[in-house]
């Protein structure tokens, strides 16, 4: 976690340096985005894996809810603050602030105290293959996890592109709404995620059985997606 934050800080501060001297390009931005995304792929599972060692089992749901709420709050306020700073100071200052935030994050993580219990792992390619096969076997043997994996695979393969690619085009070409209105829509999505995290922590925070909130969440997701389709499709066809 500390290493990924420091590397991310170096990449973004490097963008700030290039931006200051007018050497910024789309290729550099795309390359930096790929690196940051890869680093986040290492950072995010580490935070989720470490959390159960910091709180008791009975408080784990509430702790996850708080982490998700803070993440949703940052996603809600971040674009607003970023847009204001960009309009006033330009992109270089934004890169500097973002890079410094990663540095502060890495330093704060060095203060976390927890007990890490290492596991005996087989070294080499054979060890990696054994770990991967063990993880796949665990997923296939657990009905709930297997179904969740298929669910998220379908969501991210079929549903997510609609909201990230098709929805902006729909707003711009069919509804002829300005970009600010689509920004409001994104803010409402993040606000819904934030409120959902708070509600889960309040309602299911003390429960140990996760089947009930999963069933309720899946049902609400199906209802809201169906309602969205009913509302949007006739308008689009018109």
C-alpha atoms as a PDB file:
ATOM      1  CA  UNK A   1       0.000   0.000   0.000  1.00  0.00           C
ATOM      2  CA  UNK A   2       2.774   2.425   0.931  1.00  0.00           C
ATOM      3  CA  UNK A   3       4.803   1.551  -2.153  1.00  0.00           C
ATOM      4  CA  UNK A   4       1.885   1.962  -4.560  1.00  0.00           C
ATOM      5  CA  UNK A   5       0.994   5.348  -3.054  1.00  0.00           C
ATOM      6  CA  UNK A   6       4.564   6.608  -3.341  1.00  0.00           C
ATOM      7  CA  UNK A   7       4.876   5.384  -6.938  1.00  0.00           C
ATOM      8  CA  UNK A   8       1.519   6.995  -7.786  1.00  0.00           C
ATOM      9  CA  UNK A   9       2.751  10.229  -6.226  1.00  0.00           C
ATOM     10  CA  UNK A  10       5.886  10.089  -8.367  1.00  0.00           C
ATOM     11  CA  UNK A  11       3.890   9.522 -11.566  1.00  0.00           C
ATOM     12  CA  UNK A  12       1.444  12.364 -10.899  1.00  0.00           C
ATOM     13  CA  UNK A  13       4.119  14.801  -9.735  1.00  0.00           C
ATOM     14  CA  UNK A  14       5.970  13.908 -12.930  1.00  0.00           C
ATOM     15  CA  UNK A  15       2.876  14.963 -14.872  1.00  0.00           C
ATOM     16  CA  UNK A  16       2.847  18.226 -12.919  1.00  0.00           C
ATOM     17  CA  UNK A  17       6.486  18.829 -13.906  1.00  0.00           C
ATOM     18  CA  UNK A  18       5.783  18.121 -17.582  1.00  0.00           C
ATOM     19  CA  UNK A  19       2.652  20.241 -17.518  1.00  0.00           C
ATOM     20  CA  UNK A  20       4.539  23.175 -15.990  1.00  0.00           C
ATOM     21  CA  UNK A  21       7.057  23.121 -18.863  1.00  0.00           C
ATOM     22  CA  UNK A  22       4.377  22.612 -21.528  1.00  0.00           C
ATOM     23  CA  UNK A  23       5.436  19.081 -22.440  1.00  0.00           C
ATOM     24  CA  UNK A  24       2.076  17.412 -21.763  1.00  0.00           C
ATOM     25  CA  UNK A  25       0.543  15.122 -24.399  1.00  0.00           C
ATOM     26  CA  UNK A  26      -2.344  12.691 -24.722  1.00  0.00           C
ATOM     27  CA  UNK A  27       0.090   9.760 -24.887  1.00  0.00           C
ATOM     28  CA  UNK A  28       1.600  10.707 -21.533  1.00  0.00           C
ATOM     29  CA  UNK A  29      -1.831  11.112 -19.958  1.00  0.00           C
ATOM     30  CA  UNK A  30      -2.995   7.712 -21.204  1.00  0.00           C
ATOM     31  CA  UNK A  31       0.229   6.053 -20.080  1.00  0.00           C
ATOM     32  CA  UNK A  32      -0.017   7.619 -16.628  1.00  0.00           C
ATOM     33  CA  UNK A  33      -3.660   6.520 -16.367  1.00  0.00           C
ATOM     34  CA  UNK A  34      -2.702   2.931 -17.159  1.00  0.00           C
ATOM     35  CA  UNK A  35       0.026   2.980 -14.483  1.00  0.00           C
ATOM     36  CA  UNK A  36      -2.249   4.530 -11.850  1.00  0.00           C
ATOM     37  CA  UNK A  37      -4.997   2.008 -12.619  1.00  0.00           C
ATOM     38  CA  UNK A  38      -2.568  -0.905 -12.292  1.00  0.00           C
ATOM     39  CA  UNK A  39      -1.283   0.451  -8.989  1.00  0.00           C
ATOM     40  CA  UNK A  40      -4.842   0.892  -7.749  1.00  0.00           C
ATOM     41  CA  UNK A  41      -5.465  -2.750  -8.653  1.00  0.00           C
ATOM     42  CA  UNK A  42      -2.748  -3.629  -6.129  1.00  0.00           C
ATOM     43  CA  UNK A  43      -3.753  -1.047  -3.521  1.00  0.00           C
ATOM     44  CA  UNK A  44      -7.481  -1.719  -3.332  1.00  0.00           C
ATOM     45  CA  UNK A  45      -7.351  -5.479  -2.568  1.00  0.00           C
ATOM     46  CA  UNK A  46      -4.663  -4.809   0.049  1.00  0.00           C
ATOM     47  CA  UNK A  47      -6.891  -2.363   1.934  1.00  0.00           C
ATOM     48  CA  UNK A  48      -9.840  -4.752   1.835  1.00  0.00           C
ATOM     49  CA  UNK A  49      -7.655  -7.674   2.903  1.00  0.00           C
ATOM     50  CA  UNK A  50      -6.110  -5.777   5.817  1.00  0.00           C
ATOM     51  CA  UNK A  51      -9.385  -4.419   7.229  1.00  0.00           C
ATOM     52  CA  UNK A  52     -10.509  -7.716   8.854  1.00  0.00           C
ATOM     53  CA  UNK A  53      -7.260  -7.691  10.883  1.00  0.00           C
ATOM     54  CA  UNK A  54      -7.971  -4.196  12.220  1.00  0.00           C
ATOM     55  CA  UNK A  55     -11.563  -4.676  13.425  1.00  0.00           C
ATOM     56  CA  UNK A  56     -13.489  -7.502  15.030  1.00  0.00           C
ATOM     57  CA  UNK A  57     -15.730  -9.798  12.991  1.00  0.00           C
ATOM     58  CA  UNK A  58     -18.872  -8.231  14.447  1.00  0.00           C
ATOM     59  CA  UNK A  59     -17.787  -4.743  13.385  1.00  0.00           C
ATOM     60  CA  UNK A  60     -16.542  -5.690   9.914  1.00  0.00           C
ATOM     61  CA  UNK A  61     -19.748  -4.800   8.046  1.00  0.00           C
ATOM     62  CA  UNK A  62     -19.933  -1.411   9.732  1.00  0.00           C
ATOM     63  CA  UNK A  63     -16.249  -0.762   9.047  1.00  0.00           C
ATOM     64  CA  UNK A  64     -16.688  -1.656   5.374  1.00  0.00           C
ATOM     65  CA  UNK A  65     -19.687   0.671   5.269  1.00  0.00           C
ATOM     66  CA  UNK A  66     -17.655   3.542   6.688  1.00  0.00           C
ATOM     67  CA  UNK A  67     -14.837   2.983   4.220  1.00  0.00           C
ATOM     68  CA  UNK A  68     -17.314   2.884   1.326  1.00  0.00           C
ATOM     69  CA  UNK A  69     -19.051   6.013   2.654  1.00  0.00           C
ATOM     70  CA  UNK A  70     -15.800   7.965   2.839  1.00  0.00           C
ATOM     71  CA  UNK A  71     -14.870   6.786  -0.644  1.00  0.00           C
ATOM     72  CA  UNK A  72     -18.272   7.852  -1.968  1.00  0.00           C
ATOM     73  CA  UNK A  73     -17.950  11.225  -0.225  1.00  0.00           C
ATOM     74  CA  UNK A  74     -14.564  11.819  -1.831  1.00  0.00           C
ATOM     75  CA  UNK A  75     -15.976  10.867  -5.233  1.00  0.00           C
ATOM     76  CA  UNK A  76     -18.852  13.285  -4.661  1.00  0.00           C
ATOM     77  CA  UNK A  77     -16.738  16.245  -3.540  1.00  0.00           C
ATOM     78  CA  UNK A  78     -13.638  15.525  -5.626  1.00  0.00           C
ATOM     79  CA  UNK A  79     -15.020  16.525  -9.053  1.00  0.00           C
ATOM     80  CA  UNK A  80     -16.589  19.682  -7.635  1.00  0.00           C
ATOM     81  CA  UNK A  81     -13.397  20.793  -5.884  1.00  0.00           C
ATOM     82  CA  UNK A  82     -11.295  19.723  -8.853  1.00  0.00           C
ATOM     83  CA  UNK A  83     -13.394  21.701 -11.319  1.00  0.00           C
ATOM     84  CA  UNK A  84     -13.195  24.817  -9.144  1.00  0.00           C
ATOM     85  CA  UNK A  85      -9.416  24.526  -8.733  1.00  0.00           C
ATOM     86  CA  UNK A  86      -8.908  23.809 -12.428  1.00  0.00           C
ATOM     87  CA  UNK A  87     -10.938  26.837 -13.455  1.00  0.00           C
ATOM     88  CA  UNK A  88      -8.939  29.091 -11.124  1.00  0.00           C
ATOM     89  CA  UNK A  89      -5.391  27.683 -11.119  1.00  0.00           C
ATOM     90  CA  UNK A  90      -5.058  25.286 -14.076  1.00  0.00           C
ATOM     91  CA  UNK A  91      -4.109  21.644 -14.440  1.00  0.00           C
ATOM     92  CA  UNK A  92      -0.553  21.902 -13.065  1.00  0.00           C
ATOM     93  CA  UNK A  93      -1.753  22.808  -9.578  1.00  0.00           C
ATOM     94  CA  UNK A  94      -4.227  19.949  -9.673  1.00  0.00           C
ATOM     95  CA  UNK A  95      -1.457  17.473 -10.487  1.00  0.00           C
ATOM     96  CA  UNK A  96       0.637  18.870  -7.639  1.00  0.00           C
ATOM     97  CA  UNK A  97      -2.213  18.601  -5.116  1.00  0.00           C
ATOM     98  CA  UNK A  98      -3.042  15.086  -6.268  1.00  0.00           C
ATOM     99  CA  UNK A  99       0.574  13.964  -6.073  1.00  0.00           C
ATOM    100  CA  UNK A 100       1.004  15.435  -2.583  1.00  0.00           C
ATOM    101  CA  UNK A 101      -2.203  13.705  -1.459  1.00  0.00           C
ATOM    102  CA  UNK A 102      -0.701  10.349  -2.478  1.00  0.00           C
ATOM    103  CA  UNK A 103       2.455  11.176  -0.517  1.00  0.00           C
ATOM    104  CA  UNK A 104       0.414  12.025   2.589  1.00  0.00           C
ATOM    105  CA  UNK A 105      -1.604   8.849   2.135  1.00  0.00           C
ATOM    106  CA  UNK A 106       1.552   6.720   1.999  1.00  0.00           C
ATOM    107  CA  UNK A 107       2.984   8.414   5.085  1.00  0.00           C
ATOM    108  CA  UNK A 108      -0.259   7.912   7.028  1.00  0.00           C
ATOM    109  CA  UNK A 109      -0.317   4.214   6.087  1.00  0.00           C
ATOM    110  CA  UNK A 110       3.128   3.799   7.634  1.00  0.00           C
ATOM    111  CA  UNK A 111       1.507   4.629  10.988  1.00  0.00           C
ATOM    112  CA  UNK A 112      -0.976   1.725  10.800  1.00  0.00           C
ATOM    113  CA  UNK A 113      -0.142  -0.983  13.318  1.00  0.00           C
ATOM    114  CA  UNK A 114      -1.426  -4.484  12.717  1.00  0.00           C
ATOM    115  CA  UNK A 115      -0.154  -8.027  12.966  1.00  0.00           C
ATOM    116  CA  UNK A 116       0.650  -9.669   9.666  1.00  0.00           C
ATOM    117  CA  UNK A 117       0.727 -13.452   9.736  1.00  0.00           C
ATOM    118  CA  UNK A 118       2.778 -14.656   6.744  1.00  0.00           C
ATOM    119  CA  UNK A 119       1.882 -17.912   5.047  1.00  0.00           C
ATOM    120  CA  UNK A 120       4.274 -20.523   3.797  1.00  0.00           C
ATOM    121  CA  UNK A 121       4.126 -20.308   0.010  1.00  0.00           C
ATOM    122  CA  UNK A 122       5.769 -22.407  -2.623  1.00  0.00           C
ATOM    123  CA  UNK A 123       8.275 -20.347  -4.583  1.00  0.00           C
ATOM    124  CA  UNK A 124       8.605 -19.977  -8.319  1.00  0.00           C
ATOM    125  CA  UNK A 125       6.149 -20.415 -11.166  1.00  0.00           C
ATOM    126  CA  UNK A 126       4.770 -23.557  -9.573  1.00  0.00           C
ATOM    127  CA  UNK A 127       3.882 -21.640  -6.423  1.00  0.00           C
ATOM    128  CA  UNK A 128       2.085 -18.946  -8.399  1.00  0.00           C
ATOM    129  CA  UNK A 129       0.157 -21.569 -10.376  1.00  0.00           C
ATOM    130  CA  UNK A 130      -0.771 -23.385  -7.163  1.00  0.00           C
ATOM    131  CA  UNK A 131      -2.043 -20.157  -5.579  1.00  0.00           C
ATOM    132  CA  UNK A 132      -4.119 -19.309  -8.653  1.00  0.00           C
ATOM    133  CA  UNK A 133      -5.592 -22.792  -8.930  1.00  0.00           C
ATOM    134  CA  UNK A 134      -6.370 -22.779  -5.212  1.00  0.00           C
ATOM    135  CA  UNK A 135      -8.176 -19.461  -5.499  1.00  0.00           C
ATOM    136  CA  UNK A 136     -10.159 -20.602  -8.535  1.00  0.00           C
ATOM    137  CA  UNK A 137     -11.054 -23.834  -6.786  1.00  0.00           C
ATOM    138  CA  UNK A 138     -12.269 -21.938  -3.722  1.00  0.00           C
ATOM    139  CA  UNK A 139     -14.494 -19.711  -5.885  1.00  0.00           C
ATOM    140  CA  UNK A 140     -15.965 -22.665  -7.771  1.00  0.00           C
ATOM    141  CA  UNK A 141     -16.651 -24.534  -4.538  1.00  0.00           C
ATOM    142  CA  UNK A 142     -18.506 -21.615  -2.919  1.00  0.00           C
ATOM    143  CA  UNK A 143     -21.940 -21.074  -4.474  1.00  0.00           C
ATOM    144  CA  UNK A 144     -22.393 -17.512  -3.207  1.00  0.00           C
ATOM    145  CA  UNK A 145     -18.970 -16.278  -4.302  1.00  0.00           C
ATOM    146  CA  UNK A 146     -19.262 -18.066  -7.657  1.00  0.00           C
ATOM    147  CA  UNK A 147     -22.623 -16.461  -8.386  1.00  0.00           C
ATOM    148  CA  UNK A 148     -21.352 -13.045  -7.312  1.00  0.00           C
ATOM    149  CA  UNK A 149     -18.373 -13.411  -9.655  1.00  0.00           C
ATOM    150  CA  UNK A 150     -20.667 -14.210 -12.576  1.00  0.00           C
ATOM    151  CA  UNK A 151     -22.941 -11.335 -11.591  1.00  0.00           C
ATOM    152  CA  UNK A 152     -20.147  -8.761 -11.538  1.00  0.00           C
ATOM    153  CA  UNK A 153     -18.658 -10.198 -14.722  1.00  0.00           C
ATOM    154  CA  UNK A 154     -21.956  -9.574 -16.523  1.00  0.00           C
ATOM    155  CA  UNK A 155     -22.388  -6.134 -14.930  1.00  0.00           C
ATOM    156  CA  UNK A 156     -18.934  -4.886 -15.865  1.00  0.00           C
ATOM    157  CA  UNK A 157     -19.008  -6.484 -19.319  1.00  0.00           C
ATOM    158  CA  UNK A 158     -22.511  -5.439 -20.395  1.00  0.00           C
ATOM    159  CA  UNK A 159     -23.972  -2.830 -18.037  1.00  0.00           C
ATOM    160  CA  UNK A 160     -20.982  -0.681 -17.084  1.00  0.00           C
ATOM    161  CA  UNK A 161     -20.094   0.279 -20.700  1.00  0.00           C
ATOM    162  CA  UNK A 162     -23.649   1.553 -21.182  1.00  0.00           C
ATOM    163  CA  UNK A 163     -23.255   4.029 -18.328  1.00  0.00           C
ATOM    164  CA  UNK A 164     -19.662   4.992 -19.082  1.00  0.00           C
ATOM    165  CA  UNK A 165     -19.879   5.232 -22.898  1.00  0.00           C
ATOM    166  CA  UNK A 166     -23.460   5.202 -24.190  1.00  0.00           C
ATOM    167  CA  UNK A 167     -25.077   7.339 -21.502  1.00  0.00           C
ATOM    168  CA  UNK A 168     -22.937  10.465 -22.127  1.00  0.00           C
ATOM    169  CA  UNK A 169     -23.646  10.201 -25.857  1.00  0.00           C
ATOM    170  CA  UNK A 170     -27.354   9.762 -25.131  1.00  0.00           C
ATOM    171  CA  UNK A 171     -27.413  12.898 -23.000  1.00  0.00           C
ATOM    172  CA  UNK A 172     -25.479  14.901 -25.560  1.00  0.00           C
ATOM    173  CA  UNK A 173     -27.059  13.766 -28.842  1.00  0.00           C
ATOM    174  CA  UNK A 174     -30.609  12.700 -27.983  1.00  0.00           C
ATOM    175  CA  UNK A 175     -31.517  14.843 -24.995  1.00  0.00           C
ATOM    176  CA  UNK A 176     -29.286  17.761 -26.072  1.00  0.00           C
ATOM    177  CA  UNK A 177     -28.415  18.522 -22.455  1.00  0.00           C
ATOM    178  CA  UNK A 178     -25.304  20.591 -21.625  1.00  0.00           C
ATOM    179  CA  UNK A 179     -22.277  18.979 -20.021  1.00  0.00           C
ATOM    180  CA  UNK A 180     -23.138  20.476 -16.634  1.00  0.00           C
ATOM    181  CA  UNK A 181     -26.381  18.476 -16.510  1.00  0.00           C
ATOM    182  CA  UNK A 182     -24.473  15.247 -17.077  1.00  0.00           C
ATOM    183  CA  UNK A 183     -22.182  16.320 -14.263  1.00  0.00           C
ATOM    184  CA  UNK A 184     -25.240  16.637 -12.041  1.00  0.00           C
ATOM    185  CA  UNK A 185     -26.257  13.095 -13.044  1.00  0.00           C
ATOM    186  CA  UNK A 186     -22.838  11.751 -12.068  1.00  0.00           C
ATOM    187  CA  UNK A 187     -23.072  13.546  -8.739  1.00  0.00           C
ATOM    188  CA  UNK A 188     -26.459  11.944  -8.091  1.00  0.00           C
ATOM    189  CA  UNK A 189     -25.026   8.499  -8.858  1.00  0.00           C
ATOM    190  CA  UNK A 190     -22.208   9.022  -6.382  1.00  0.00           C
ATOM    191  CA  UNK A 191     -24.639  10.473  -3.831  1.00  0.00           C
ATOM    192  CA  UNK A 192     -26.790   7.349  -4.164  1.00  0.00           C
ATOM    193  CA  UNK A 193     -23.735   5.164  -3.585  1.00  0.00           C
ATOM    194  CA  UNK A 194     -22.849   7.220  -0.518  1.00  0.00           C
ATOM    195  CA  UNK A 195     -26.348   7.015   0.942  1.00  0.00           C
ATOM    196  CA  UNK A 196     -26.495   3.287   0.208  1.00  0.00           C
ATOM    197  CA  UNK A 197     -23.246   2.696   2.104  1.00  0.00           C
ATOM    198  CA  UNK A 198     -24.575   4.633   5.104  1.00  0.00           C
ATOM    199  CA  UNK A 199     -27.882   2.745   5.087  1.00  0.00           C
ATOM    200  CA  UNK A 200     -26.134  -0.645   4.884  1.00  0.00           C
ATOM    201  CA  UNK A 201     -23.969   0.262   7.850  1.00  0.00           C
ATOM    202  CA  UNK A 202     -26.966   1.412   9.891  1.00  0.00           C
ATOM    203  CA  UNK A 203     -29.378  -1.409   9.026  1.00  0.00           C
ATOM    204  CA  UNK A 204     -27.059  -4.400   8.637  1.00  0.00           C
ATOM    205  CA  UNK A 205     -24.044  -3.206  10.619  1.00  0.00           C
ATOM    206  CA  UNK A 206     -24.478  -5.660  13.487  1.00  0.00           C
ATOM    207  CA  UNK A 207     -25.639  -8.659  11.498  1.00  0.00           C
ATOM    208  CA  UNK A 208     -23.386 -11.559  10.628  1.00  0.00           C
ATOM    209  CA  UNK A 209     -25.615 -13.140   7.973  1.00  0.00           C
ATOM    210  CA  UNK A 210     -24.890 -11.427   4.654  1.00  0.00           C
ATOM    211  CA  UNK A 211     -27.440 -13.381   2.600  1.00  0.00           C
ATOM    212  CA  UNK A 212     -30.323 -11.074   3.522  1.00  0.00           C
ATOM    213  CA  UNK A 213     -28.636  -7.780   2.532  1.00  0.00           C
ATOM    214  CA  UNK A 214     -27.358  -9.419  -0.666  1.00  0.00           C
ATOM    215  CA  UNK A 215     -30.871 -10.545  -1.600  1.00  0.00           C
ATOM    216  CA  UNK A 216     -32.360  -7.131  -0.783  1.00  0.00           C
ATOM    217  CA  UNK A 217     -29.610  -5.317  -2.680  1.00  0.00           C
ATOM    218  CA  UNK A 218     -29.987  -7.532  -5.747  1.00  0.00           C
ATOM    219  CA  UNK A 219     -33.755  -7.037  -5.741  1.00  0.00           C
ATOM    220  CA  UNK A 220     -33.421  -3.253  -5.448  1.00  0.00           C
ATOM    221  CA  UNK A 221     -30.842  -3.236  -8.239  1.00  0.00           C
ATOM    222  CA  UNK A 222     -33.167  -5.163 -10.566  1.00  0.00           C
ATOM    223  CA  UNK A 223     -36.107  -2.878  -9.764  1.00  0.00           C
ATOM    224  CA  UNK A 224     -34.149   0.340 -10.307  1.00  0.00           C
ATOM    225  CA  UNK A 225     -32.573  -0.895 -13.551  1.00  0.00           C
ATOM    226  CA  UNK A 226     -35.998  -1.951 -14.852  1.00  0.00           C
ATOM    227  CA  UNK A 227     -37.486   1.411 -13.879  1.00  0.00           C
ATOM    228  CA  UNK A 228     -34.608   3.219 -15.631  1.00  0.00           C
ATOM    229  CA  UNK A 229     -35.149   1.170 -18.792  1.00  0.00           C
ATOM    230  CA  UNK A 230     -38.897   1.885 -18.778  1.00  0.00           C
ATOM    231  CA  UNK A 231     -38.257   5.607 -18.360  1.00  0.00           C
ATOM    232  CA  UNK A 232     -35.401   5.965 -20.837  1.00  0.00           C
ATOM    233  CA  UNK A 233     -36.385   3.687 -23.732  1.00  0.00           C
ATOM    234  CA  UNK A 234     -39.689   5.399 -24.673  1.00  0.00           C
ATOM    235  CA  UNK A 235     -37.994   8.784 -24.450  1.00  0.00           C
ATOM    236  CA  UNK A 236     -35.135   7.603 -26.636  1.00  0.00           C
ATOM    237  CA  UNK A 237     -37.503   6.081 -29.204  1.00  0.00           C
ATOM    238  CA  UNK A 238     -39.422   9.346 -29.377  1.00  0.00           C
END
